[in-house]
Amino acid sequence: MSYRLKGPGIPMRFAHTNLVATNWKKRAHFYQRVFDCTPVPPERELAGEWLDRDGLSKANLRGIYIVKIKKWQKTNDV
């Protein structure tokens, strides 16, 4: 899934950004408040051997997707 800007200007596509934070809830709240982003539940918690193989022994990733909906047009091209 990707998003395209509506309106005139240079055509561009934005697909994904990953942010790393020690306090992901505080960071997500900032993006919701400042950029009017919307959380997409559920909260996710990822762990396991597949993550350990990347050199992150016993890692545990937690967070939530947040998206900017109002100014972006949803498209199905990947």
N, C-alpha and C. Protein backbone atom coordinates (compact mmCIF):
# COMPACT_ATOMS: atom_id res chain seq x y z
N MET A 1 0.85 -1.16 0.00
CA MET A 1 0.00 0.00 0.00
C MET A 1 0.90 1.23 0.00
N SER A 2 0.55 2.24 -0.74
CA SER A 2 1.29 3.49 -0.77
C SER A 2 0.32 4.65 -0.84
N TYR A 3 0.83 5.84 -0.70
CA TYR A 3 0.00 7.03 -0.71
C TYR A 3 0.56 8.06 -1.68
N ARG A 4 -0.31 8.80 -2.35
CA ARG A 4 0.08 9.86 -3.26
C ARG A 4 -0.54 11.17 -2.79
N LEU A 5 0.20 12.26 -2.98
CA LEU A 5 -0.33 13.58 -2.64
C LEU A 5 -1.46 13.95 -3.58
N LYS A 6 -2.50 14.58 -3.06
CA LYS A 6 -3.56 15.12 -3.89
C LYS A 6 -3.18 16.53 -4.31
N GLY A 7 -3.64 16.98 -5.47
CA GLY A 7 -3.45 18.36 -5.88
C GLY A 7 -2.29 18.55 -6.82
N PRO A 8 -2.06 19.81 -7.20
CA PRO A 8 -1.01 20.11 -8.16
C PRO A 8 0.38 19.99 -7.54
N GLY A 9 1.39 19.96 -8.40
CA GLY A 9 2.76 19.89 -7.91
C GLY A 9 3.49 18.72 -8.49
N ILE A 10 4.63 18.44 -7.94
CA ILE A 10 5.46 17.34 -8.41
C ILE A 10 4.85 16.03 -7.91
N PRO A 11 4.58 15.09 -8.82
CA PRO A 11 4.04 13.79 -8.37
C PRO A 11 5.08 13.07 -7.49
N MET A 12 4.64 12.61 -6.34
CA MET A 12 5.53 11.84 -5.49
C MET A 12 4.73 10.78 -4.75
N ARG A 13 5.44 9.79 -4.29
CA ARG A 13 4.82 8.69 -3.57
C ARG A 13 5.57 8.47 -2.27
N PHE A 14 4.84 8.28 -1.19
CA PHE A 14 5.41 8.00 0.12
C PHE A 14 4.85 6.67 0.58
N ALA A 15 5.73 5.76 0.97
CA ALA A 15 5.24 4.43 1.32
C ALA A 15 5.41 4.10 2.81
N HIS A 16 6.55 4.45 3.41
CA HIS A 16 6.79 3.95 4.77
C HIS A 16 7.96 4.68 5.42
N THR A 17 7.84 4.94 6.70
CA THR A 17 8.95 5.42 7.52
C THR A 17 8.92 4.67 8.84
N ASN A 18 10.08 4.25 9.29
CA ASN A 18 10.18 3.55 10.56
C ASN A 18 10.96 4.43 11.53
N LEU A 19 10.41 4.70 12.69
CA LEU A 19 11.08 5.52 13.71
C LEU A 19 11.43 4.65 14.91
N VAL A 20 12.62 4.87 15.44
CA VAL A 20 13.06 4.15 16.63
C VAL A 20 13.04 5.12 17.80
N ALA A 21 12.43 4.72 18.92
CA ALA A 21 12.34 5.58 20.09
C ALA A 21 12.35 4.74 21.35
N THR A 22 12.88 5.27 22.42
CA THR A 22 12.86 4.55 23.69
C THR A 22 11.47 4.59 24.31
N ASN A 23 10.69 5.63 24.01
CA ASN A 23 9.32 5.73 24.50
C ASN A 23 8.39 5.89 23.29
N TRP A 24 7.98 4.77 22.70
CA TRP A 24 7.22 4.82 21.45
C TRP A 24 5.85 5.46 21.63
N LYS A 25 5.25 5.32 22.81
CA LYS A 25 3.93 5.91 23.03
C LYS A 25 4.01 7.43 23.03
N LYS A 26 5.05 7.98 23.64
CA LYS A 26 5.24 9.42 23.64
C LYS A 26 5.50 9.92 22.22
N ARG A 27 6.31 9.19 21.45
CA ARG A 27 6.61 9.58 20.07
C ARG A 27 5.36 9.51 19.20
N ALA A 28 4.56 8.47 19.36
CA ALA A 28 3.33 8.34 18.58
C ALA A 28 2.36 9.48 18.93
N HIS A 29 2.25 9.81 20.20
CA HIS A 29 1.37 10.91 20.62
C HIS A 29 1.82 12.24 19.99
N PHE A 30 3.13 12.46 19.92
CA PHE A 30 3.65 13.67 19.28
C PHE A 30 3.19 13.76 17.82
N TYR A 31 3.32 12.69 17.07
CA TYR A 31 2.91 12.71 15.67
C TYR A 31 1.40 12.85 15.51
N GLN A 32 0.65 12.31 16.43
CA GLN A 32 -0.80 12.48 16.39
C GLN A 32 -1.18 13.94 16.66
N ARG A 33 -0.53 14.55 17.64
CA ARG A 33 -0.86 15.92 18.03
C ARG A 33 -0.34 16.95 17.03
N VAL A 34 0.91 16.83 16.61
CA VAL A 34 1.53 17.84 15.76
C VAL A 34 1.16 17.68 14.29
N PHE A 35 1.12 16.44 13.79
CA PHE A 35 0.89 16.21 12.36
C PHE A 35 -0.50 15.65 12.06
N ASP A 36 -1.35 15.57 13.08
CA ASP A 36 -2.72 15.08 12.91
C ASP A 36 -2.76 13.66 12.33
N CYS A 37 -1.83 12.82 12.80
CA CYS A 37 -1.80 11.43 12.35
C CYS A 37 -2.82 10.61 13.15
N THR A 38 -3.21 9.49 12.59
CA THR A 38 -4.21 8.61 13.20
C THR A 38 -3.58 7.25 13.51
N PRO A 39 -3.72 6.74 14.73
CA PRO A 39 -3.20 5.41 15.04
C PRO A 39 -4.03 4.32 14.37
N VAL A 40 -3.36 3.26 13.96
CA VAL A 40 -4.03 2.11 13.34
C VAL A 40 -3.80 0.90 14.25
N PRO A 41 -4.79 0.57 15.10
CA PRO A 41 -4.62 -0.56 16.02
C PRO A 41 -4.53 -1.87 15.26
N PRO A 42 -4.06 -2.90 15.88
CA PRO A 42 -3.69 -3.02 17.29
C PRO A 42 -2.25 -2.60 17.52
N GLU A 43 -1.90 -2.40 18.80
CA GLU A 43 -0.49 -2.23 19.15
C GLU A 43 0.20 -3.53 18.80
N ARG A 44 1.44 -3.43 18.34
CA ARG A 44 2.17 -4.62 17.92
C ARG A 44 3.36 -4.87 18.83
N GLU A 45 3.64 -6.15 19.04
CA GLU A 45 4.82 -6.56 19.78
C GLU A 45 5.45 -7.70 19.00
N LEU A 46 6.67 -7.48 18.55
CA LEU A 46 7.34 -8.44 17.69
C LEU A 46 8.60 -8.95 18.38
N ALA A 47 8.81 -10.26 18.32
CA ALA A 47 9.99 -10.88 18.90
C ALA A 47 10.13 -12.27 18.29
N GLY A 48 11.27 -12.87 18.48
CA GLY A 48 11.43 -14.24 18.02
C GLY A 48 12.75 -14.48 17.32
N GLU A 49 12.93 -15.72 16.87
CA GLU A 49 14.17 -16.12 16.23
C GLU A 49 14.46 -15.32 14.98
N TRP A 50 13.43 -14.97 14.21
CA TRP A 50 13.63 -14.23 12.97
C TRP A 50 14.30 -12.88 13.25
N LEU A 51 14.03 -12.28 14.40
CA LEU A 51 14.62 -11.01 14.77
C LEU A 51 16.02 -11.22 15.34
N ASP A 52 16.21 -12.29 16.08
CA ASP A 52 17.52 -12.62 16.65
C ASP A 52 18.56 -12.86 15.56
N ARG A 53 18.14 -13.36 14.41
CA ARG A 53 19.08 -13.64 13.30
C ARG A 53 19.72 -12.37 12.76
N ASP A 54 19.09 -11.23 12.97
CA ASP A 54 19.64 -9.97 12.48
C ASP A 54 20.63 -9.36 13.48
N GLY A 55 21.07 -10.13 14.46
CA GLY A 55 22.06 -9.65 15.41
C GLY A 55 21.47 -8.91 16.60
N LEU A 56 20.16 -8.98 16.77
CA LEU A 56 19.50 -8.31 17.89
C LEU A 56 19.05 -9.36 18.90
N SER A 57 19.99 -9.95 19.60
CA SER A 57 19.70 -11.05 20.50
C SER A 57 18.63 -10.68 21.53
N LYS A 58 17.59 -11.48 21.56
CA LYS A 58 16.46 -11.32 22.49
C LYS A 58 15.78 -9.96 22.37
N ALA A 59 15.74 -9.42 21.17
CA ALA A 59 15.10 -8.12 20.95
C ALA A 59 13.58 -8.25 21.03
N ASN A 60 12.93 -7.16 21.38
CA ASN A 60 11.48 -7.11 21.47
C ASN A 60 11.06 -5.75 20.93
N LEU A 61 10.39 -5.73 19.78
CA LEU A 61 9.96 -4.49 19.15
C LEU A 61 8.49 -4.25 19.46
N ARG A 62 8.17 -3.04 19.93
CA ARG A 62 6.79 -2.72 20.27
C ARG A 62 6.42 -1.39 19.63
N GLY A 63 5.16 -1.25 19.24
CA GLY A 63 4.73 0.02 18.67
C GLY A 63 3.37 -0.08 18.02
N ILE A 64 3.05 0.94 17.23
CA ILE A 64 1.76 1.02 16.54
C ILE A 64 1.98 1.74 15.22
N TYR A 65 1.18 1.42 14.23
CA TYR A 65 1.21 2.17 12.98
C TYR A 65 0.45 3.47 13.18
N ILE A 66 0.99 4.56 12.65
CA ILE A 66 0.26 5.82 12.61
C ILE A 66 0.30 6.33 11.17
N VAL A 67 -0.82 6.86 10.70
CA VAL A 67 -0.90 7.31 9.31
C VAL A 67 -1.48 8.71 9.23
N LYS A 68 -1.11 9.40 8.18
CA LYS A 68 -1.68 10.71 7.86
C LYS A 68 -2.68 10.46 6.76
N ILE A 69 -3.97 10.65 7.05
CA ILE A 69 -5.02 10.28 6.11
C ILE A 69 -5.56 11.45 5.32
N LYS A 70 -5.81 12.57 5.95
CA LYS A 70 -6.59 13.65 5.35
C LYS A 70 -6.03 14.19 4.05
N LYS A 71 -4.72 14.35 3.93
CA LYS A 71 -4.14 14.95 2.73
C LYS A 71 -3.58 13.94 1.76
N TRP A 72 -3.76 12.67 2.02
CA TRP A 72 -3.20 11.64 1.16
C TRP A 72 -4.32 10.83 0.53
N GLN A 73 -4.10 10.43 -0.70
CA GLN A 73 -5.06 9.60 -1.41
C GLN A 73 -4.56 8.18 -1.41
N LYS A 74 -5.33 7.27 -0.88
CA LYS A 74 -4.93 5.88 -0.80
C LYS A 74 -4.95 5.25 -2.19
N THR A 75 -3.87 4.55 -2.54
CA THR A 75 -3.80 3.84 -3.82
C THR A 75 -3.38 2.40 -3.54
N ASN A 76 -3.58 1.54 -4.50
CA ASN A 76 -3.23 0.15 -4.33
C ASN A 76 -1.94 -0.24 -5.04
N ASP A 77 -1.29 0.70 -5.73
CA ASP A 77 -0.05 0.35 -6.40
C ASP A 77 1.07 0.28 -5.37
N VAL A 78 1.93 -0.70 -5.50
CA VAL A 78 3.01 -0.92 -4.54
C VAL A 78 4.32 -0.62 -5.21
